Amino acid sequence: MVQRGDVYDRNCPTRVIANHATGQWGSLVLGKLLAGTKRFGELRREVSGVSEKMLAQTLQALERDGLVHREVHPVIPPRVDYSLTTLGAHAAKQISGLFGWIEENLPDFLAAQEEYDARRVENV
C-alpha cells in the first residue's frame, strides 16, 4: 500500500508535483487545457508571456506527472496535441476554481494592496 504524501515535507515527491501543477506556468497551462485539447502554438498564444522553452519544459513536467497527455499524430508536418488526463482534469478544475475566486475578488485584493502600500509609505 502506498502511503499518502506530505507536501509540507521537503523530501516528499508531492512537493515537486505541486510545484509543477501550481507554479506560474503549470497552473495557467492546466487552466487553458480545461477547455479542451490544444496544440503547442495555441497554448503559446493563450498563455500570454510564456516562452517556447518554458512552455515545452512545463508541458514535459506535467506529462511526466501524469497531468497532461501528449499525442503525436503521424502526419507531415508533425502535429502534437495536448490534453488533460483524468488526474489533470481534476487538478485543473481545482485551479480554475481558485482563479475564478481571485478574479471575482479582485477589488478586495487591490484595496488590500493599496492599504498595505499606504502603510509602507507612512512608515518610511
N, C-alpha and C. Protein backbone atom coordinates (compact mmCIF):
# COMPACT_ATOMS: atom_id res chain seq x y z
N MET A 1 0.84 -1.19 0.00
CA MET A 1 0.00 0.00 0.00
C MET A 1 0.88 1.25 0.00
N VAL A 2 0.60 2.16 -0.91
CA VAL A 2 1.35 3.41 -0.98
C VAL A 2 0.76 4.38 0.03
N GLN A 3 1.64 4.95 0.81
CA GLN A 3 1.12 5.88 1.81
C GLN A 3 0.92 7.26 1.20
N ARG A 4 0.06 8.02 1.80
CA ARG A 4 -0.25 9.37 1.35
C ARG A 4 0.99 10.25 1.47
N GLY A 5 1.16 11.15 0.51
CA GLY A 5 2.28 12.06 0.53
C GLY A 5 2.07 13.20 1.52
N ASP A 6 3.13 13.96 1.74
CA ASP A 6 3.09 15.13 2.62
C ASP A 6 3.79 16.28 1.92
N VAL A 7 3.02 17.14 1.30
CA VAL A 7 3.56 18.24 0.51
C VAL A 7 4.38 19.21 1.36
N TYR A 8 4.21 19.18 2.67
CA TYR A 8 4.96 20.07 3.55
C TYR A 8 6.33 19.51 3.91
N ASP A 9 6.60 18.26 3.55
CA ASP A 9 7.89 17.62 3.76
C ASP A 9 8.76 17.89 2.54
N ARG A 10 9.88 18.56 2.72
CA ARG A 10 10.71 18.95 1.58
C ARG A 10 11.27 17.76 0.80
N ASN A 11 11.27 16.59 1.39
CA ASN A 11 11.78 15.40 0.73
C ASN A 11 10.71 14.57 0.04
N CYS A 12 9.45 14.97 0.16
CA CYS A 12 8.36 14.21 -0.42
C CYS A 12 8.16 14.60 -1.89
N PRO A 13 8.01 13.62 -2.77
CA PRO A 13 7.82 13.93 -4.19
C PRO A 13 6.55 14.73 -4.49
N THR A 14 5.62 14.76 -3.55
CA THR A 14 4.41 15.56 -3.80
C THR A 14 4.73 17.04 -3.93
N ARG A 15 5.81 17.48 -3.29
CA ARG A 15 6.17 18.90 -3.38
C ARG A 15 6.55 19.27 -4.82
N VAL A 16 7.28 18.41 -5.49
CA VAL A 16 7.69 18.67 -6.87
C VAL A 16 6.45 18.71 -7.77
N ILE A 17 5.57 17.74 -7.58
CA ILE A 17 4.34 17.69 -8.39
C ILE A 17 3.49 18.94 -8.12
N ALA A 18 3.38 19.33 -6.87
CA ALA A 18 2.62 20.54 -6.53
C ALA A 18 3.23 21.77 -7.19
N ASN A 19 4.55 21.85 -7.21
CA ASN A 19 5.20 22.98 -7.87
C ASN A 19 4.93 23.00 -9.36
N HIS A 20 4.92 21.83 -9.98
CA HIS A 20 4.63 21.76 -11.42
C HIS A 20 3.19 22.21 -11.70
N ALA A 21 2.26 21.72 -10.91
CA ALA A 21 0.83 21.99 -11.15
C ALA A 21 0.41 23.39 -10.74
N THR A 22 1.03 23.93 -9.69
CA THR A 22 0.57 25.22 -9.17
C THR A 22 1.54 26.35 -9.44
N GLY A 23 2.65 26.06 -10.10
CA GLY A 23 3.58 27.12 -10.46
C GLY A 23 2.94 28.04 -11.49
N GLN A 24 3.61 29.13 -11.75
CA GLN A 24 3.06 30.15 -12.64
C GLN A 24 2.59 29.57 -13.97
N TRP A 25 3.44 28.83 -14.66
CA TRP A 25 3.07 28.36 -15.99
C TRP A 25 2.23 27.09 -15.94
N GLY A 26 2.53 26.20 -15.02
CA GLY A 26 1.78 24.95 -14.93
C GLY A 26 0.30 25.18 -14.68
N SER A 27 0.00 26.07 -13.75
CA SER A 27 -1.40 26.33 -13.43
C SER A 27 -2.13 26.98 -14.60
N LEU A 28 -1.45 27.86 -15.32
CA LEU A 28 -2.08 28.52 -16.47
C LEU A 28 -2.30 27.53 -17.62
N VAL A 29 -1.34 26.65 -17.85
CA VAL A 29 -1.49 25.63 -18.90
C VAL A 29 -2.64 24.69 -18.55
N LEU A 30 -2.68 24.22 -17.31
CA LEU A 30 -3.77 23.34 -16.90
C LEU A 30 -5.11 24.04 -17.06
N GLY A 31 -5.17 25.29 -16.68
CA GLY A 31 -6.41 26.06 -16.83
C GLY A 31 -6.87 26.15 -18.27
N LYS A 32 -5.94 26.40 -19.19
CA LYS A 32 -6.29 26.50 -20.61
C LYS A 32 -6.70 25.16 -21.19
N LEU A 33 -6.04 24.09 -20.75
CA LEU A 33 -6.38 22.76 -21.27
C LEU A 33 -7.73 22.26 -20.75
N LEU A 34 -8.24 22.88 -19.70
CA LEU A 34 -9.56 22.51 -19.19
C LEU A 34 -10.63 22.72 -20.27
N ALA A 35 -10.39 23.66 -21.17
CA ALA A 35 -11.35 23.94 -22.26
C ALA A 35 -11.27 22.90 -23.37
N GLY A 36 -10.23 22.07 -23.36
CA GLY A 36 -10.11 21.04 -24.39
C GLY A 36 -8.71 20.91 -24.94
N THR A 37 -8.54 19.98 -25.85
CA THR A 37 -7.26 19.68 -26.47
C THR A 37 -6.73 20.90 -27.22
N LYS A 38 -5.42 21.12 -27.08
CA LYS A 38 -4.79 22.25 -27.76
C LYS A 38 -3.44 21.82 -28.32
N ARG A 39 -3.03 22.52 -29.35
CA ARG A 39 -1.70 22.34 -29.91
C ARG A 39 -0.74 23.31 -29.21
N PHE A 40 0.55 23.05 -29.37
CA PHE A 40 1.57 23.86 -28.72
C PHE A 40 1.40 25.34 -29.03
N GLY A 41 1.24 25.65 -30.31
CA GLY A 41 1.09 27.05 -30.72
C GLY A 41 -0.12 27.73 -30.10
N GLU A 42 -1.21 26.98 -29.98
CA GLU A 42 -2.41 27.54 -29.35
C GLU A 42 -2.13 27.89 -27.89
N LEU A 43 -1.48 26.96 -27.19
CA LEU A 43 -1.15 27.21 -25.79
C LEU A 43 -0.22 28.41 -25.67
N ARG A 44 0.73 28.50 -26.55
CA ARG A 44 1.68 29.62 -26.51
C ARG A 44 0.97 30.95 -26.67
N ARG A 45 -0.01 31.01 -27.56
CA ARG A 45 -0.78 32.24 -27.76
C ARG A 45 -1.70 32.53 -26.58
N GLU A 46 -2.32 31.50 -26.03
CA GLU A 46 -3.33 31.69 -25.00
C GLU A 46 -2.74 31.92 -23.60
N VAL A 47 -1.52 31.44 -23.37
CA VAL A 47 -0.85 31.66 -22.08
C VAL A 47 0.14 32.80 -22.31
N SER A 48 -0.36 33.99 -22.24
CA SER A 48 0.40 35.19 -22.55
C SER A 48 1.67 35.30 -21.70
N GLY A 49 2.79 35.53 -22.39
CA GLY A 49 4.05 35.76 -21.69
C GLY A 49 4.96 34.56 -21.55
N VAL A 50 4.46 33.36 -21.83
CA VAL A 50 5.29 32.17 -21.69
C VAL A 50 6.19 32.03 -22.92
N SER A 51 7.46 31.72 -22.69
CA SER A 51 8.37 31.49 -23.81
C SER A 51 8.19 30.07 -24.33
N GLU A 52 8.67 29.82 -25.54
CA GLU A 52 8.58 28.47 -26.10
C GLU A 52 9.30 27.47 -25.21
N LYS A 53 10.48 27.85 -24.76
CA LYS A 53 11.29 26.96 -23.92
C LYS A 53 10.55 26.63 -22.62
N MET A 54 10.01 27.64 -21.97
CA MET A 54 9.32 27.41 -20.70
C MET A 54 8.05 26.60 -20.90
N LEU A 55 7.33 26.85 -21.98
CA LEU A 55 6.11 26.08 -22.25
C LEU A 55 6.47 24.61 -22.50
N ALA A 56 7.53 24.37 -23.27
CA ALA A 56 7.96 22.99 -23.53
C ALA A 56 8.34 22.29 -22.23
N GLN A 57 9.10 22.96 -21.38
CA GLN A 57 9.51 22.38 -20.10
C GLN A 57 8.30 22.12 -19.21
N THR A 58 7.37 23.04 -19.19
CA THR A 58 6.16 22.91 -18.37
C THR A 58 5.34 21.72 -18.85
N LEU A 59 5.12 21.62 -20.15
CA LEU A 59 4.35 20.50 -20.69
C LEU A 59 5.02 19.16 -20.41
N GLN A 60 6.34 19.11 -20.52
CA GLN A 60 7.06 17.87 -20.21
C GLN A 60 6.89 17.48 -18.75
N ALA A 61 6.99 18.45 -17.85
CA ALA A 61 6.84 18.16 -16.42
C ALA A 61 5.42 17.69 -16.11
N LEU A 62 4.43 18.35 -16.70
CA LEU A 62 3.04 17.97 -16.46
C LEU A 62 2.73 16.60 -17.06
N GLU A 63 3.34 16.30 -18.20
CA GLU A 63 3.16 14.98 -18.80
C GLU A 63 3.80 13.91 -17.91
N ARG A 64 5.00 14.18 -17.44
CA ARG A 64 5.69 13.21 -16.58
C ARG A 64 4.90 12.94 -15.30
N ASP A 65 4.26 13.97 -14.77
CA ASP A 65 3.48 13.83 -13.54
C ASP A 65 2.12 13.17 -13.78
N GLY A 66 1.77 12.93 -15.03
CA GLY A 66 0.50 12.29 -15.33
C GLY A 66 -0.68 13.22 -15.41
N LEU A 67 -0.41 14.52 -15.55
CA LEU A 67 -1.49 15.51 -15.62
C LEU A 67 -1.88 15.86 -17.05
N VAL A 68 -0.94 15.72 -17.97
CA VAL A 68 -1.16 16.07 -19.38
C VAL A 68 -0.83 14.88 -20.25
N HIS A 69 -1.64 14.70 -21.28
CA HIS A 69 -1.41 13.65 -22.28
C HIS A 69 -0.91 14.33 -23.55
N ARG A 70 0.18 13.79 -24.11
CA ARG A 70 0.75 14.31 -25.35
C ARG A 70 0.53 13.27 -26.43
N GLU A 71 -0.14 13.70 -27.51
CA GLU A 71 -0.41 12.78 -28.62
C GLU A 71 0.23 13.30 -29.89
N VAL A 72 1.14 12.50 -30.43
CA VAL A 72 1.82 12.85 -31.68
C VAL A 72 1.10 12.16 -32.82
N HIS A 73 0.68 12.94 -33.80
CA HIS A 73 -0.01 12.41 -34.98
C HIS A 73 1.02 12.19 -36.09
N PRO A 74 0.99 11.01 -36.73
CA PRO A 74 1.98 10.69 -37.77
C PRO A 74 1.65 11.34 -39.11
N VAL A 75 1.76 12.65 -39.14
CA VAL A 75 1.49 13.40 -40.37
C VAL A 75 2.67 14.33 -40.64
N ILE A 76 2.71 14.87 -41.84
CA ILE A 76 3.75 15.84 -42.18
C ILE A 76 3.06 17.13 -42.55
N PRO A 77 3.37 18.25 -41.92
CA PRO A 77 4.31 18.38 -40.81
C PRO A 77 3.76 17.73 -39.53
N PRO A 78 4.65 17.42 -38.58
CA PRO A 78 4.21 16.76 -37.35
C PRO A 78 3.15 17.59 -36.62
N ARG A 79 2.22 16.88 -36.03
CA ARG A 79 1.16 17.55 -35.26
C ARG A 79 1.12 16.89 -33.88
N VAL A 80 1.17 17.73 -32.86
CA VAL A 80 1.15 17.25 -31.48
C VAL A 80 0.00 17.94 -30.75
N ASP A 81 -0.84 17.14 -30.11
CA ASP A 81 -1.95 17.67 -29.32
C ASP A 81 -1.69 17.40 -27.85
N TYR A 82 -2.13 18.34 -27.03
CA TYR A 82 -2.03 18.20 -25.59
C TYR A 82 -3.42 18.25 -24.99
N SER A 83 -3.68 17.35 -24.06
CA SER A 83 -4.97 17.31 -23.38
C SER A 83 -4.74 16.90 -21.93
N LEU A 84 -5.77 17.06 -21.14
CA LEU A 84 -5.68 16.68 -19.73
C LEU A 84 -5.97 15.20 -19.55
N THR A 85 -5.26 14.58 -18.63
CA THR A 85 -5.60 13.23 -18.19
C THR A 85 -6.71 13.37 -17.15
N THR A 86 -7.17 12.26 -16.63
CA THR A 86 -8.18 12.32 -15.57
C THR A 86 -7.63 13.08 -14.36
N LEU A 87 -6.39 12.77 -13.99
CA LEU A 87 -5.75 13.50 -12.87
C LEU A 87 -5.64 14.98 -13.20
N GLY A 88 -5.22 15.27 -14.43
CA GLY A 88 -5.05 16.65 -14.85
C GLY A 88 -6.35 17.43 -14.85
N ALA A 89 -7.44 16.78 -15.29
CA ALA A 89 -8.74 17.46 -15.30
C ALA A 89 -9.18 17.80 -13.88
N HIS A 90 -8.95 16.88 -12.96
CA HIS A 90 -9.31 17.15 -11.57
C HIS A 90 -8.50 18.32 -11.02
N ALA A 91 -7.19 18.31 -11.27
CA ALA A 91 -6.33 19.41 -10.80
C ALA A 91 -6.74 20.73 -11.45
N ALA A 92 -7.00 20.70 -12.75
CA ALA A 92 -7.35 21.92 -13.47
C ALA A 92 -8.66 22.52 -12.96
N LYS A 93 -9.61 21.67 -12.59
CA LYS A 93 -10.87 22.18 -12.04
C LYS A 93 -10.63 22.89 -10.71
N GLN A 94 -9.76 22.34 -9.89
CA GLN A 94 -9.44 22.97 -8.60
C GLN A 94 -8.77 24.33 -8.83
N ILE A 95 -7.80 24.33 -9.74
CA ILE A 95 -7.06 25.56 -10.04
C ILE A 95 -7.99 26.60 -10.67
N SER A 96 -8.85 26.16 -11.57
CA SER A 96 -9.79 27.07 -12.21
C SER A 96 -10.73 27.70 -11.19
N GLY A 97 -11.15 26.89 -10.22
CA GLY A 97 -11.99 27.44 -9.15
C GLY A 97 -11.27 28.52 -8.37
N LEU A 98 -10.01 28.30 -8.05
CA LEU A 98 -9.23 29.30 -7.34
C LEU A 98 -9.05 30.55 -8.20
N PHE A 99 -8.75 30.37 -9.48
CA PHE A 99 -8.59 31.51 -10.38
C PHE A 99 -9.88 32.33 -10.45
N GLY A 100 -11.02 31.64 -10.55
CA GLY A 100 -12.30 32.34 -10.59
C GLY A 100 -12.55 33.14 -9.34
N TRP A 101 -12.22 32.55 -8.19
CA TRP A 101 -12.39 33.24 -6.91
C TRP A 101 -11.50 34.48 -6.85
N ILE A 102 -10.26 34.36 -7.32
CA ILE A 102 -9.34 35.51 -7.34
C ILE A 102 -9.89 36.61 -8.24
N GLU A 103 -10.37 36.23 -9.43
CA GLU A 103 -10.91 37.22 -10.36
C GLU A 103 -12.13 37.92 -9.78
N GLU A 104 -13.02 37.17 -9.13
CA GLU A 104 -14.22 37.77 -8.53
C GLU A 104 -13.89 38.72 -7.40
N ASN A 105 -12.82 38.45 -6.69
CA ASN A 105 -12.46 39.26 -5.52
C ASN A 105 -11.35 40.27 -5.81
N LEU A 106 -11.09 40.52 -7.09
CA LEU A 106 -10.04 41.46 -7.46
C LEU A 106 -10.15 42.81 -6.76
N PRO A 107 -11.34 43.42 -6.67
CA PRO A 107 -11.42 44.72 -5.99
C PRO A 107 -10.92 44.65 -4.54
N ASP A 108 -11.22 43.57 -3.84
CA ASP A 108 -10.75 43.43 -2.46
C ASP A 108 -9.24 43.29 -2.40
N PHE A 109 -8.67 42.54 -3.35
CA PHE A 109 -7.21 42.39 -3.38
C PHE A 109 -6.53 43.72 -3.67
N LEU A 110 -7.08 44.48 -4.64
CA LEU A 110 -6.49 45.77 -4.98
C LEU A 110 -6.58 46.74 -3.81
N ALA A 111 -7.71 46.72 -3.10
CA ALA A 111 -7.86 47.60 -1.94
C ALA A 111 -6.86 47.23 -0.85
N ALA A 112 -6.66 45.94 -0.61
CA ALA A 112 -5.69 45.48 0.39
C ALA A 112 -4.28 45.91 0.00
N GLN A 113 -3.96 45.83 -1.29
CA GLN A 113 -2.63 46.23 -1.75
C GLN A 113 -2.41 47.73 -1.57
N GLU A 114 -3.44 48.51 -1.90
CA GLU A 114 -3.34 49.96 -1.73
C GLU A 114 -3.16 50.31 -0.26
N GLU A 115 -3.91 49.66 0.61
CA GLU A 115 -3.81 49.91 2.05
C GLU A 115 -2.40 49.54 2.55
N TYR A 116 -1.90 48.42 2.12
CA TYR A 116 -0.56 47.98 2.51
C TYR A 116 0.48 49.00 2.04
N ASP A 117 0.39 49.38 0.76
CA ASP A 117 1.36 50.32 0.20
C ASP A 117 1.31 51.66 0.93
N ALA A 118 0.11 52.12 1.28
CA ALA A 118 -0.02 53.39 2.00
C ALA A 118 0.65 53.30 3.38
N ARG A 119 0.48 52.18 4.05
CA ARG A 119 1.12 51.99 5.36
C ARG A 119 2.64 51.99 5.23
N ARG A 120 3.13 51.39 4.17
CA ARG A 120 4.58 51.30 3.94
C ARG A 120 5.17 52.71 3.70
N VAL A 121 4.45 53.53 2.95
CA VAL A 121 4.92 54.89 2.66
C VAL A 121 4.92 55.71 3.95
N GLU A 122 3.91 55.53 4.79
CA GLU A 122 3.84 56.27 6.07
C GLU A 122 4.98 55.92 6.99
N ASN A 123 5.45 54.70 6.93
CA ASN A 123 6.50 54.23 7.84
C ASN A 123 7.91 54.47 7.31
N VAL A 124 8.04 55.10 6.16
CA VAL A 124 9.38 55.35 5.60
C VAL A 124 9.95 56.64 6.10
